[in-house]
């Protein structure tokens, strides 16, 4: 998780604050009004809020190329996925991000790929539960 400290007026001690990992590290901070801040992150999110009240993502998107897009057949929502390994569920009516997650990268051996391909084709491999 990315952490940063509140800039306290009047000589107060900085207060540590955590930004959820899904938003990335803090890239920039801008003061809006009074205690309210805008926080730009390395994963193209802009958070708005205060240290006492918390932060809400007001803008978030993919960092790189968009690789997939799928609409829901009966709801005004859609999924997107991209090179940044983010999968996002968007609300088409409210123009907001409802949910996102980062996919993990796993390394697969050639033997594992062959086993998956055989299983997908209905072939079994001796000794693997035939």
Protein backbone atom coordinates (compact mmCIF):
# COMPACT_ATOMS: atom_id res chain seq x y z
CA UNK A 1 0.00 0.00 0.00
CA UNK A 2 1.13 3.50 -0.71
CA UNK A 3 1.47 5.68 2.37
CA UNK A 4 1.75 9.41 2.77
CA UNK A 5 1.48 11.87 5.64
CA UNK A 6 -0.92 14.72 6.29
CA UNK A 7 0.57 18.19 6.18
CA UNK A 8 -0.52 19.54 9.57
CA UNK A 9 -0.73 23.25 10.20
CA UNK A 10 0.30 24.71 13.54
CA UNK A 11 3.26 22.41 14.08
CA UNK A 12 1.23 19.21 14.45
CA UNK A 13 2.88 15.86 13.80
CA UNK A 14 2.24 14.24 10.37
CA UNK A 15 -0.45 11.56 10.39
CA UNK A 16 0.29 8.42 8.32
CA UNK A 17 -2.47 7.49 5.89
CA UNK A 18 -2.83 4.48 3.56
CA UNK A 19 -4.08 4.57 -0.03
CA UNK A 20 -5.48 1.17 -1.17
CA UNK A 21 -2.99 -0.73 -3.32
CA UNK A 22 -5.41 -0.94 -6.26
CA UNK A 23 -4.87 2.80 -6.84
CA UNK A 24 -1.07 2.59 -6.92
CA UNK A 25 1.41 4.91 -5.28
CA UNK A 26 0.84 8.63 -4.77
CA UNK A 27 2.16 10.66 -7.70
CA UNK A 28 0.92 14.14 -6.78
CA UNK A 29 -1.16 15.96 -4.16
CA UNK A 30 -3.13 19.18 -4.70
CA UNK A 31 -5.04 21.18 -2.10
CA UNK A 32 -8.64 21.98 -3.09
CA UNK A 33 -10.42 23.76 -0.23
CA UNK A 34 -9.43 23.78 3.43
CA UNK A 35 -8.53 20.19 4.35
CA UNK A 36 -9.78 18.71 1.07
CA UNK A 37 -7.14 17.25 -1.24
CA UNK A 38 -6.89 15.73 -4.69
CA UNK A 39 -4.45 12.83 -4.89
CA UNK A 40 -3.14 11.61 -8.26
CA UNK A 41 -1.76 8.07 -8.35
CA UNK A 42 0.52 5.96 -10.53
CA UNK A 43 -2.45 3.86 -11.74
CA UNK A 44 -4.28 6.83 -13.29
CA UNK A 45 -6.68 7.43 -10.40
CA UNK A 46 -7.64 10.74 -8.85
CA UNK A 47 -8.86 10.52 -5.26
CA UNK A 48 -10.71 13.34 -3.51
CA UNK A 49 -11.17 13.69 0.23
CA UNK A 50 -9.68 14.47 3.60
CA UNK A 51 -7.54 12.60 6.08
CA UNK A 52 -10.35 12.66 8.63
CA UNK A 53 -13.13 11.65 6.21
CA UNK A 54 -11.22 9.36 3.86
CA UNK A 55 -10.75 9.42 0.10
CA UNK A 56 -12.97 8.40 -2.80
CA UNK A 57 -11.84 7.70 -6.37
CA UNK A 58 -13.44 10.29 -8.63
CA UNK A 59 -11.54 9.24 -11.76
CA UNK A 60 -9.94 5.90 -12.49
CA UNK A 61 -8.94 4.14 -15.66
CA UNK A 62 -6.52 1.81 -17.31
CA UNK A 63 -2.83 2.67 -17.44
CA UNK A 64 -2.12 1.19 -20.86
CA UNK A 65 -3.85 -0.43 -23.84
CA UNK A 66 -7.40 -1.69 -23.45
CA UNK A 67 -7.50 -5.35 -24.52
CA UNK A 68 -11.07 -6.36 -23.83
CA UNK A 69 -14.54 -4.88 -23.48
CA UNK A 70 -17.78 -6.75 -22.76
CA UNK A 71 -21.27 -5.41 -22.13
CA UNK A 72 -23.86 -6.97 -19.83
CA UNK A 73 -26.85 -8.27 -21.83
CA UNK A 74 -29.53 -6.66 -19.63
CA UNK A 75 -27.85 -4.13 -17.31
CA UNK A 76 -26.24 -0.81 -18.16
CA UNK A 77 -22.76 -1.98 -17.15
CA UNK A 78 -19.65 -3.28 -18.85
CA UNK A 79 -16.28 -4.89 -18.10
CA UNK A 80 -12.95 -3.73 -19.41
CA UNK A 81 -9.50 -5.27 -19.15
CA UNK A 82 -6.13 -4.07 -20.29
CA UNK A 83 -2.42 -4.57 -20.54
CA UNK A 84 -2.16 -3.18 -17.00
CA UNK A 85 -3.79 -6.47 -15.75
CA UNK A 86 -6.75 -4.52 -14.34
CA UNK A 87 -10.29 -5.85 -14.77
CA UNK A 88 -12.89 -3.13 -14.18
CA UNK A 89 -16.67 -3.21 -13.87
CA UNK A 90 -18.18 0.12 -14.95
CA UNK A 91 -21.64 1.52 -14.24
CA UNK A 92 -22.92 2.93 -17.53
CA UNK A 93 -25.75 4.93 -15.97
CA UNK A 94 -23.72 6.71 -13.29
CA UNK A 95 -20.46 6.78 -15.31
CA UNK A 96 -18.56 5.33 -12.35
CA UNK A 97 -16.26 2.45 -11.58
CA UNK A 98 -18.14 -0.12 -9.48
CA UNK A 99 -15.33 -2.63 -8.97
CA UNK A 100 -11.80 -3.44 -10.08
CA UNK A 101 -9.12 -6.02 -9.41
CA UNK A 102 -5.56 -6.65 -10.55
CA UNK A 103 -4.87 -10.04 -12.07
CA UNK A 104 -1.78 -11.94 -10.98
CA UNK A 105 0.83 -13.05 -13.48
CA UNK A 106 1.62 -16.74 -13.28
CA UNK A 107 4.28 -18.63 -15.17
CA UNK A 108 3.16 -21.85 -16.79
CA UNK A 109 5.55 -24.56 -17.95
CA UNK A 110 5.29 -26.12 -21.43
CA UNK A 111 4.20 -29.42 -19.82
CA UNK A 112 1.36 -27.69 -17.97
CA UNK A 113 0.22 -26.03 -21.20
CA UNK A 114 0.15 -29.44 -22.91
CA UNK A 115 -1.88 -30.94 -20.04
CA UNK A 116 -4.41 -28.10 -20.21
CA UNK A 117 -4.67 -28.43 -23.99
CA UNK A 118 -5.28 -32.21 -23.71
CA UNK A 119 -7.93 -31.67 -21.02
CA UNK A 120 -9.67 -29.05 -23.13
CA UNK A 121 -9.75 -31.49 -26.07
CA UNK A 122 -11.13 -34.31 -23.88
CA UNK A 123 -7.87 -36.23 -23.78
CA UNK A 124 -6.65 -37.64 -20.53
CA UNK A 125 -3.11 -38.24 -19.43
CA UNK A 126 -2.29 -41.59 -17.81
CA UNK A 127 -2.03 -41.34 -14.05
CA UNK A 128 -3.83 -38.00 -13.80
CA UNK A 129 -7.30 -39.17 -12.76
CA UNK A 130 -8.42 -41.00 -15.92
